C-alpha atoms as a PDB file:
ATOM      1  CA  MET A   1     124.337  92.337 -97.577  1.00  0.00           C
ATOM      2  CA  LEU A   2     122.915  95.744 -97.407  1.00  0.00           C
ATOM      3  CA  HIS A   3     120.279  96.556 -94.774  1.00  0.00           C
ATOM      4  CA  LEU A   4     117.853  99.339 -94.241  1.00  0.00           C
ATOM      5  CA  GLY A   5     117.972 101.484 -91.069  1.00  0.00           C
ATOM      6  CA  ILE A   6     114.333 101.592 -89.801  1.00  0.00           C
ATOM      7  CA  MET A   7     113.189 104.211 -87.390  1.00  0.00           C
ATOM      8  CA  HIS A   8     109.823 104.244 -85.598  1.00  0.00           C
ATOM      9  CA  PRO A   9     108.567 107.660 -84.643  1.00  0.00           C
ATOM     10  CA  ILE A  10     105.252 108.202 -83.176  1.00  0.00           C
ATOM     11  CA  ASN A  11     102.745 109.981 -85.475  1.00  0.00           C
ATOM     12  CA  ALA A  12      99.970 112.615 -84.434  1.00  0.00           C
ATOM     13  CA  VAL A  13      97.521 109.979 -83.430  1.00  0.00           C
ATOM     14  CA  GLY A  14      99.963 107.960 -81.308  1.00  0.00           C
ATOM     15  CA  LYS A  15     100.480 105.168 -83.832  1.00  0.00           C
ATOM     16  CA  GLU A  16     103.908 103.973 -84.804  1.00  0.00           C
ATOM     17  CA  GLN A  17     104.889 104.994 -88.266  1.00  0.00           C
ATOM     18  CA  ALA A  18     108.016 103.344 -89.732  1.00  0.00           C
ATOM     19  CA  PHE A  19     110.300 105.257 -91.988  1.00  0.00           C
ATOM     20  CA  VAL A  20     113.635 104.758 -93.581  1.00  0.00           C
ATOM     21  CA  ASP A  21     116.451 107.302 -92.766  1.00  0.00           C
ATOM     22  CA  ALA A  22     118.660 108.026 -95.839  1.00  0.00           C
ATOM     23  CA  ILE A  23     121.771 108.502 -93.835  1.00  0.00           C
ATOM     24  CA  LYS A  24     121.325 105.239 -91.936  1.00  0.00           C
ATOM     25  CA  ILE A  25     120.878 103.340 -95.196  1.00  0.00           C
ATOM     26  CA  LEU A  26     123.976 104.846 -96.679  1.00  0.00           C
ATOM     27  CA  LYS A  27     126.036 104.269 -93.402  1.00  0.00           C
ATOM     28  CA  GLN A  28     124.945 100.663 -93.494  1.00  0.00           C
ATOM     29  CA  ASN A  29     125.988 100.358 -97.076  1.00  0.00           C
ATOM     30  CA  HIS A  30     129.361 101.622 -95.989  1.00  0.00           C
ATOM     31  CA  ALA A  31     129.641  99.151 -93.145  1.00  0.00           C
ATOM     32  CA  ASP A  32     128.634  96.250 -95.589  1.00  0.00           C
ATOM     33  CA  VAL A  33     131.344  97.199 -98.039  1.00  0.00           C
ATOM     34  CA  LYS A  34     133.926  97.635 -95.308  1.00  0.00           C
ATOM     35  CA  ALA A  35     132.998  94.113 -94.136  1.00  0.00           C
ATOM     36  CA  LEU A  36     133.624  92.780 -97.747  1.00  0.00           C
ATOM     37  CA  PHE A  37     137.030  94.472 -97.813  1.00  0.00           C
ATOM     38  CA  GLU A  38     137.884  92.754 -94.504  1.00  0.00           C
ATOM     39  CA  GLU A  39     136.822  89.457 -95.850  1.00  0.00           C
ATOM     40  CA  VAL A  40     138.991  89.796 -98.928  1.00  0.00           C
ATOM     41  CA  GLU A  41     142.058  90.943 -96.880  1.00  0.00           C
ATOM     42  CA  GLY A  42     141.834  87.754 -94.887  1.00  0.00           C
ATOM     43  CA  LEU A  43     142.208  85.556 -97.983  1.00  0.00           C
ATOM     44  CA  GLY A  44     145.398  83.753 -98.768  1.00  0.00           C
ATOM     45  CA  ASP A  45     147.364  84.423-102.024  1.00  0.00           C
ATOM     46  CA  ARG A  46     145.960  81.414-103.741  1.00  0.00           C
ATOM     47  CA  ALA A  47     142.325  82.189-103.182  1.00  0.00           C
ATOM     48  CA  SER A  48     141.910  84.083-106.433  1.00  0.00           C
ATOM     49  CA  ALA A  49     138.478  82.628-107.242  1.00  0.00           C
ATOM     50  CA  ARG A  50     137.053  83.799-103.896  1.00  0.00           C
ATOM     51  CA  ARG A  51     138.798  87.202-104.186  1.00  0.00           C
ATOM     52  CA  LYS A  52     137.061  87.661-107.594  1.00  0.00           C
ATOM     53  CA  GLN A  53     133.712  86.646-106.098  1.00  0.00           C
ATOM     54  CA  ILE A  54     133.983  89.059-103.272  1.00  0.00           C
ATOM     55  CA  PHE A  55     135.128  91.772-105.680  1.00  0.00           C
ATOM     56  CA  GLU A  56     131.977  91.254-107.774  1.00  0.00           C
ATOM     57  CA  GLU A  57     129.815  91.760-104.537  1.00  0.00           C
ATOM     58  CA  ILE A  58     131.859  94.919-103.860  1.00  0.00           C
ATOM     59  CA  ASP A  59     131.483  96.080-107.466  1.00  0.00           C
ATOM     60  CA  LYS A  60     127.712  95.643-107.444  1.00  0.00           C
ATOM     61  CA  ALA A  61     127.321  97.278-104.020  1.00  0.00           C
ATOM     62  CA  LEU A  62     129.472 100.246-104.836  1.00  0.00           C
ATOM     63  CA  THR A  63     127.874 100.737-108.166  1.00  0.00           C
ATOM     64  CA  VAL A  64     124.453 100.876-106.833  1.00  0.00           C
ATOM     65  CA  HIS A  65     125.413 102.878-103.818  1.00  0.00           C
ATOM     66  CA  SER A  66     127.066 105.502-106.068  1.00  0.00           C
ATOM     67  CA  GLN A  67     124.054 105.516-108.326  1.00  0.00           C
ATOM     68  CA  VAL A  68     121.625 106.298-105.420  1.00  0.00           C
ATOM     69  CA  GLU A  69     124.029 108.801-103.918  1.00  0.00           C
ATOM     70  CA  GLU A  70     124.492 110.693-107.247  1.00  0.00           C
ATOM     71  CA  THR A  71     120.780 110.589-108.313  1.00  0.00           C
ATOM     72  CA  ILE A  72     119.012 111.050-105.038  1.00  0.00           C
ATOM     73  CA  PHE A  73     121.083 112.136-102.091  1.00  0.00           C
ATOM     74  CA  TYR A  74     123.628 114.412-103.598  1.00  0.00           C
ATOM     75  CA  PRO A  75     121.234 116.439-105.577  1.00  0.00           C
ATOM     76  CA  ALA A  76     119.083 117.007-102.531  1.00  0.00           C
ATOM     77  CA  PHE A  77     122.107 117.992-100.528  1.00  0.00           C
ATOM     78  CA  LYS A  78     123.347 120.303-103.239  1.00  0.00           C
ATOM     79  CA  GLU A  79     119.956 121.971-103.376  1.00  0.00           C
ATOM     80  CA  ARG A  80     119.997 122.680 -99.665  1.00  0.00           C
ATOM     81  CA  ALA A  81     123.630 123.779 -99.599  1.00  0.00           C
ATOM     82  CA  GLU A  82     123.819 127.420 -98.496  1.00  0.00           C
ATOM     83  CA  ASN A  83     127.496 128.112 -98.470  1.00  0.00           C
ATOM     84  CA  ARG A  84     130.700 127.324-100.319  1.00  0.00           C
ATOM     85  CA  GLU A  85     131.911 124.746 -97.857  1.00  0.00           C
ATOM     86  CA  GLU A  86     128.718 122.684 -98.346  1.00  0.00           C
ATOM     87  CA  ARG A  87     128.778 122.968-102.076  1.00  0.00           C
ATOM     88  CA  LEU A  88     132.434 121.939-102.259  1.00  0.00           C
ATOM     89  CA  GLU A  89     131.648 118.844-100.040  1.00  0.00           C
ATOM     90  CA  VAL A  90     129.153 117.514-102.526  1.00  0.00           C
ATOM     91  CA  LEU A  91     131.299 118.325-105.545  1.00  0.00           C
ATOM     92  CA  GLU A  92     134.311 116.624-104.003  1.00  0.00           C
ATOM     93  CA  ALA A  93     132.025 113.534-103.281  1.00  0.00           C
ATOM     94  CA  TYR A  94     131.178 113.375-107.036  1.00  0.00           C
ATOM     95  CA  GLU A  95     134.939 113.468-107.796  1.00  0.00           C
ATOM     96  CA  GLU A  96     135.677 110.665-105.325  1.00  0.00           C
ATOM     97  CA  HIS A  97     133.014 108.626-107.108  1.00  0.00           C
ATOM     98  CA  THR A  98     134.737 109.109-110.453  1.00  0.00           C
ATOM     99  CA  ASN A  99     138.014 107.759-109.028  1.00  0.00           C
ATOM    100  CA  VAL A 100     136.296 104.791-107.473  1.00  0.00           C
ATOM    101  CA  LYS A 101     134.444 104.022-110.697  1.00  0.00           C
ATOM    102  CA  LYS A 102     137.762 104.084-112.693  1.00  0.00           C
ATOM    103  CA  MET A 103     139.338 101.662-110.203  1.00  0.00           C
ATOM    104  CA  LEU A 104     136.393  99.318-110.507  1.00  0.00           C
ATOM    105  CA  THR A 105     136.600  99.349-114.239  1.00  0.00           C
ATOM    106  CA  GLU A 106     140.333  98.552-114.094  1.00  0.00           C
ATOM    107  CA  LEU A 107     139.649  95.697-111.617  1.00  0.00           C
ATOM    108  CA  GLU A 108     136.816  94.274-113.812  1.00  0.00           C
ATOM    109  CA  THR A 109     139.567  93.654-116.578  1.00  0.00           C
ATOM    110  CA  THR A 110     142.417  92.492-114.326  1.00  0.00           C
ATOM    111  CA  ASP A 111     143.225  88.868-113.727  1.00  0.00           C
ATOM    112  CA  PRO A 112     142.577  88.106-110.046  1.00  0.00           C
ATOM    113  CA  LYS A 113     145.611  85.787-109.905  1.00  0.00           C
ATOM    114  CA  THR A 114     147.952  88.691-110.480  1.00  0.00           C
ATOM    115  CA  GLU A 115     149.698  90.983-107.923  1.00  0.00           C
ATOM    116  CA  GLU A 116     148.346  93.871-109.981  1.00  0.00           C
ATOM    117  CA  TYR A 117     144.824  92.772-109.007  1.00  0.00           C
ATOM    118  CA  SER A 118     145.620  92.672-105.285  1.00  0.00           C
ATOM    119  CA  ALA A 119     147.345  96.193-105.580  1.00  0.00           C
ATOM    120  CA  ARG A 120     144.338  97.651-107.257  1.00  0.00           C
ATOM    121  CA  LEU A 121     141.886  96.041-104.923  1.00  0.00           C
ATOM    122  CA  ASN A 122     143.803  97.694-102.067  1.00  0.00           C
ATOM    123  CA  VAL A 123     143.840 101.043-103.770  1.00  0.00           C
ATOM    124  CA  LEU A 124     140.121 100.659-104.222  1.00  0.00           C
ATOM    125  CA  LYS A 125     139.675 100.022-100.561  1.00  0.00           C
ATOM    126  CA  GLU A 126     141.814 103.093 -99.672  1.00  0.00           C
ATOM    127  CA  LEU A 127     139.675 105.292-102.049  1.00  0.00           C
ATOM    128  CA  VAL A 128     136.407 103.924-100.574  1.00  0.00           C
ATOM    129  CA  LEU A 129     137.489 104.352 -96.956  1.00  0.00           C
ATOM    130  CA  HIS A 130     138.621 107.885 -97.466  1.00  0.00           C
ATOM    131  CA  HIS A 131     135.332 108.653 -99.168  1.00  0.00           C
ATOM    132  CA  VAL A 132     133.325 106.987 -96.302  1.00  0.00           C
ATOM    133  CA  LYS A 133     135.319 108.982 -93.720  1.00  0.00           C
ATOM    134  CA  GLU A 134     134.527 112.212 -95.546  1.00  0.00           C
ATOM    135  CA  GLU A 135     130.858 111.467 -95.774  1.00  0.00           C
ATOM    136  CA  GLU A 136     130.386 110.124 -92.326  1.00  0.00           C
ATOM    137  CA  GLY A 137     132.636 112.741 -90.699  1.00  0.00           C
ATOM    138  CA  THR A 138     131.393 115.858 -92.594  1.00  0.00           C
ATOM    139  CA  MET A 139     128.681 115.532 -95.185  1.00  0.00           C
ATOM    140  CA  PHE A 140     126.248 113.555 -93.285  1.00  0.00           C
ATOM    141  CA  LYS A 141     126.511 115.803 -90.327  1.00  0.00           C
ATOM    142  CA  MET A 142     125.852 118.731 -92.617  1.00  0.00           C
ATOM    143  CA  ALA A 143     122.840 116.886 -94.128  1.00  0.00           C
ATOM    144  CA  ARG A 144     121.259 116.252 -90.751  1.00  0.00           C
ATOM    145  CA  GLU A 145     121.465 120.026 -90.050  1.00  0.00           C
ATOM    146  CA  MET A 146     120.056 120.924 -93.571  1.00  0.00           C
ATOM    147  CA  MET A 147     117.298 118.380 -93.757  1.00  0.00           C
ATOM    148  CA  ASP A 148     114.453 117.537 -91.408  1.00  0.00           C
ATOM    149  CA  ARG A 149     113.516 113.945 -90.545  1.00  0.00           C
ATOM    150  CA  GLU A 150     110.670 113.903 -93.013  1.00  0.00           C
ATOM    151  CA  GLU A 151     112.948 114.826 -95.853  1.00  0.00           C
ATOM    152  CA  LEU A 152     115.483 112.251 -94.852  1.00  0.00           C
ATOM    153  CA  ALA A 153     112.720 109.673 -94.574  1.00  0.00           C
ATOM    154  CA  GLN A 154     111.528 110.558 -98.166  1.00  0.00           C
ATOM    155  CA  LEU A 155     115.053 110.305 -99.521  1.00  0.00           C
ATOM    156  CA  GLY A 156     115.507 107.098 -97.708  1.00  0.00           C
ATOM    157  CA  GLU A 157     112.358 105.593 -99.266  1.00  0.00           C
ATOM    158  CA  ARG A 158     113.601 106.431-102.698  1.00  0.00           C
ATOM    159  CA  ILE A 159     116.977 104.987-101.970  1.00  0.00           C
ATOM    160  CA  ALA A 160     115.438 101.768-100.725  1.00  0.00           C
ATOM    161  CA  GLN A 161     113.255 101.484-103.827  1.00  0.00           C
ATOM    162  CA  GLU A 162     116.260 101.831-106.064  1.00  0.00           C
ATOM    163  CA  GLU A 163     118.324  99.453-104.090  1.00  0.00           C
ATOM    164  CA  GLU A 164     115.560  96.860-104.301  1.00  0.00           C
ATOM    165  CA  LYS A 165     115.168  97.409-108.105  1.00  0.00           C
ATOM    166  CA  ALA A 166     118.912  96.836-108.409  1.00  0.00           C
ATOM    167  CA  GLY A 167     118.533  93.463-106.644  1.00  0.00           C
ATOM    168  CA  LEU A 168     120.221  94.339-103.375  1.00  0.00           C
ATOM    169  CA  ASP A 169     119.030  92.703-100.143  1.00  0.00           C
ATOM    170  CA  VAL A 170     117.355  95.615 -98.461  1.00  0.00           C
ATOM    171  CA  ARG A 171     116.172  94.302 -95.110  1.00  0.00           C
END
Protein backbone atom coordinates (compact mmCIF):
# COMPACT_ATOMS: atom_id res chain seq x y z
CA MET A 1 0.00 0.00 0.00
CA LEU A 2 1.21 3.47 -0.78
CA HIS A 3 1.03 6.12 1.91
CA LEU A 4 1.44 9.87 2.00
CA GLY A 5 4.02 11.56 4.19
CA ILE A 6 2.15 14.32 6.01
CA MET A 7 4.01 17.21 7.62
CA HIS A 8 2.44 19.81 9.91
CA PRO A 9 4.18 23.19 9.87
CA ILE A 10 2.77 26.14 11.77
CA ASN A 11 1.39 28.91 9.54
CA ALA A 12 1.64 32.65 10.18
CA VAL A 13 -1.34 32.77 12.54
CA GLY A 14 -0.18 29.81 14.62
CA LYS A 15 -2.59 27.22 13.19
CA GLU A 16 -1.38 23.90 11.97
CA GLN A 17 -1.41 23.59 8.20
CA ALA A 18 -0.93 20.08 6.79
CA PHE A 19 0.97 19.58 3.57
CA VAL A 20 2.32 16.64 1.68
CA ASP A 21 6.04 16.51 0.95
CA ALA A 22 6.73 15.14 -2.56
CA ILE A 23 9.98 13.48 -1.53
CA LYS A 24 8.34 11.75 1.43
CA ILE A 25 5.62 10.38 -0.86
CA LEU A 26 8.16 9.08 -3.37
CA LYS A 27 10.28 7.52 -0.60
CA GLN A 28 7.20 5.81 0.81
CA ASN A 29 6.41 4.47 -2.67
CA HIS A 30 9.95 3.06 -2.77
CA ALA A 31 9.52 1.41 0.63
CA ASP A 32 6.19 -0.08 -0.39
CA VAL A 33 7.62 -1.62 -3.56
CA LYS A 34 10.66 -2.95 -1.67
CA ALA A 35 8.26 -4.67 0.75
CA LEU A 36 6.45 -6.30 -2.17
CA PHE A 37 9.76 -7.56 -3.58
CA GLU A 38 10.64 -8.99 -0.16
CA GLU A 39 7.26 -10.71 0.00
CA VAL A 40 7.69 -12.29 -3.42
CA GLU A 41 11.22 -13.46 -2.52
CA GLY A 42 9.80 -15.37 0.43
CA LEU A 43 7.52 -17.46 -1.76
CA GLY A 44 8.24 -21.07 -2.60
CA ASP A 45 8.77 -22.30 -6.14
CA ARG A 46 5.20 -23.57 -6.37
CA ALA A 47 3.51 -20.28 -5.40
CA SER A 48 3.21 -19.04 -8.98
CA ALA A 49 -0.34 -17.68 -8.57
CA ARG A 50 0.68 -15.57 -5.54
CA ARG A 51 3.89 -14.51 -7.31
CA LYS A 52 1.80 -13.29 -10.26
CA GLN A 53 -0.59 -11.46 -7.90
CA ILE A 54 2.27 -9.67 -6.13
CA PHE A 55 3.83 -8.81 -9.48
CA GLU A 56 0.56 -7.19 -10.55
CA GLU A 57 0.73 -5.01 -7.42
CA ILE A 58 4.36 -4.14 -8.19
CA ASP A 59 3.48 -3.41 -11.81
CA LYS A 60 0.68 -1.00 -10.89
CA ALA A 61 2.73 0.72 -8.18
CA LEU A 62 5.75 1.18 -10.45
CA THR A 63 3.65 2.33 -13.39
CA VAL A 64 1.91 5.02 -11.36
CA HIS A 65 5.12 5.97 -9.55
CA SER A 66 6.98 6.38 -12.85
CA GLN A 67 4.14 8.45 -14.27
CA VAL A 68 4.10 10.92 -11.37
CA GLU A 69 7.86 11.21 -11.36
CA GLU A 70 8.04 11.74 -15.12
CA THR A 71 5.15 14.20 -15.36
CA ILE A 72 5.46 16.08 -12.06
CA PHE A 73 8.68 15.62 -10.11
CA TYR A 74 11.33 15.26 -12.83
CA PRO A 75 10.15 18.28 -14.87
CA ALA A 76 10.27 20.45 -11.74
CA PHE A 77 13.72 19.09 -10.90
CA LYS A 78 14.97 19.63 -14.44
CA GLU A 79 13.64 23.19 -14.48
CA ARG A 80 15.62 23.95 -11.31
CA ALA A 81 18.79 22.13 -12.40
CA GLU A 82 21.60 24.64 -12.58
CA ASN A 83 24.56 22.49 -13.54
CA ARG A 84 25.52 19.52 -15.68
CA GLU A 85 25.53 17.07 -12.76
CA GLU A 86 21.93 17.93 -11.84
CA ARG A 87 20.75 17.74 -15.46
CA LEU A 88 22.47 14.37 -15.95
CA GLU A 89 20.90 13.07 -12.74
CA VAL A 90 17.38 13.62 -14.04
CA LEU A 91 18.20 12.33 -17.54
CA GLU A 92 19.64 9.16 -16.02
CA ALA A 93 16.46 8.70 -13.97
CA TYR A 94 14.36 8.83 -17.16
CA GLU A 95 16.62 6.18 -18.74
CA GLU A 96 16.31 3.95 -15.68
CA HIS A 97 12.53 4.22 -15.95
CA THR A 98 12.76 3.08 -19.58
CA ASN A 99 14.61 -0.07 -18.49
CA VAL A 100 12.13 -0.79 -15.72
CA LYS A 101 9.18 -0.38 -18.13
CA LYS A 102 10.77 -2.82 -20.60
CA MET A 103 11.16 -5.42 -17.87
CA LEU A 104 7.56 -4.86 -16.69
CA THR A 105 6.36 -5.47 -20.25
CA GLU A 106 8.38 -8.68 -20.49
CA LEU A 107 7.03 -9.93 -17.18
CA GLU A 108 3.45 -9.17 -18.18
CA THR A 109 3.79 -11.69 -21.02
CA THR A 110 5.85 -14.35 -19.23
CA ASP A 111 4.30 -17.41 -17.61
CA PRO A 112 4.76 -17.06 -13.81
CA LYS A 113 5.39 -20.80 -13.52
CA THR A 114 8.65 -20.58 -15.47
CA GLU A 115 12.21 -20.02 -14.32
CA GLU A 116 12.39 -17.13 -16.82
CA TYR A 117 9.68 -15.36 -14.86
CA SER A 118 11.61 -15.65 -11.61
CA ALA A 119 14.80 -14.48 -13.31
CA ARG A 120 13.07 -11.49 -14.89
CA LEU A 121 11.40 -10.59 -11.61
CA ASN A 122 14.82 -10.63 -9.96
CA VAL A 123 16.27 -8.38 -12.68
CA LEU A 124 13.33 -6.01 -12.21
CA LYS A 125 14.07 -5.89 -8.49
CA GLU A 126 17.74 -5.11 -9.14
CA LEU A 127 16.83 -2.33 -11.60
CA VAL A 128 14.36 -0.80 -9.16
CA LEU A 129 16.69 -1.01 -6.15
CA HIS A 130 19.49 0.62 -8.14
CA HIS A 131 17.13 3.40 -9.20
CA VAL A 132 15.91 3.90 -5.63
CA LYS A 133 19.49 4.09 -4.35
CA GLU A 134 20.33 6.75 -6.94
CA GLU A 135 17.23 8.81 -6.24
CA GLU A 136 17.38 8.65 -2.48
CA GLY A 137 21.15 8.97 -2.31
CA THR A 138 21.59 11.81 -4.77
CA MET A 139 18.55 13.22 -6.56
CA PHE A 140 16.33 13.79 -3.54
CA LYS A 141 19.17 15.52 -1.68
CA MET A 142 19.69 17.79 -4.68
CA ALA A 143 15.95 18.46 -4.85
CA ARG A 144 15.83 19.50 -1.20
CA GLU A 145 18.59 22.02 -1.92
CA MET A 146 16.90 23.32 -5.08
CA MET A 147 13.30 23.52 -3.88
CA ASP A 148 11.77 25.11 -0.82
CA ARG A 149 9.19 23.44 1.41
CA GLU A 150 6.30 25.18 -0.33
CA GLU A 151 7.33 23.94 -3.75
CA LEU A 152 7.81 20.39 -2.43
CA ALA A 153 4.36 20.64 -0.82
CA GLN A 154 2.79 21.77 -4.10
CA LEU A 155 4.46 18.93 -5.97
CA GLY A 156 3.36 16.53 -3.24
CA GLU A 157 -0.26 17.61 -3.57
CA ARG A 158 -0.15 17.03 -7.31
CA ILE A 159 1.48 13.63 -6.85
CA ALA A 160 -1.09 12.62 -4.23
CA GLN A 161 -3.95 13.63 -6.53
CA GLU A 162 -2.54 11.60 -9.42
CA GLU A 163 -1.97 8.55 -7.22
CA GLU A 164 -5.52 8.79 -5.91
CA LYS A 165 -6.91 9.07 -9.46
CA ALA A 166 -4.97 5.93 -10.36
CA GLY A 167 -6.66 4.07 -7.53
CA LEU A 168 -3.70 3.75 -5.20
CA ASP A 169 -4.28 3.76 -1.44
CA VAL A 170 -2.94 7.19 -0.46
CA ARG A 171 -3.31 7.47 3.30
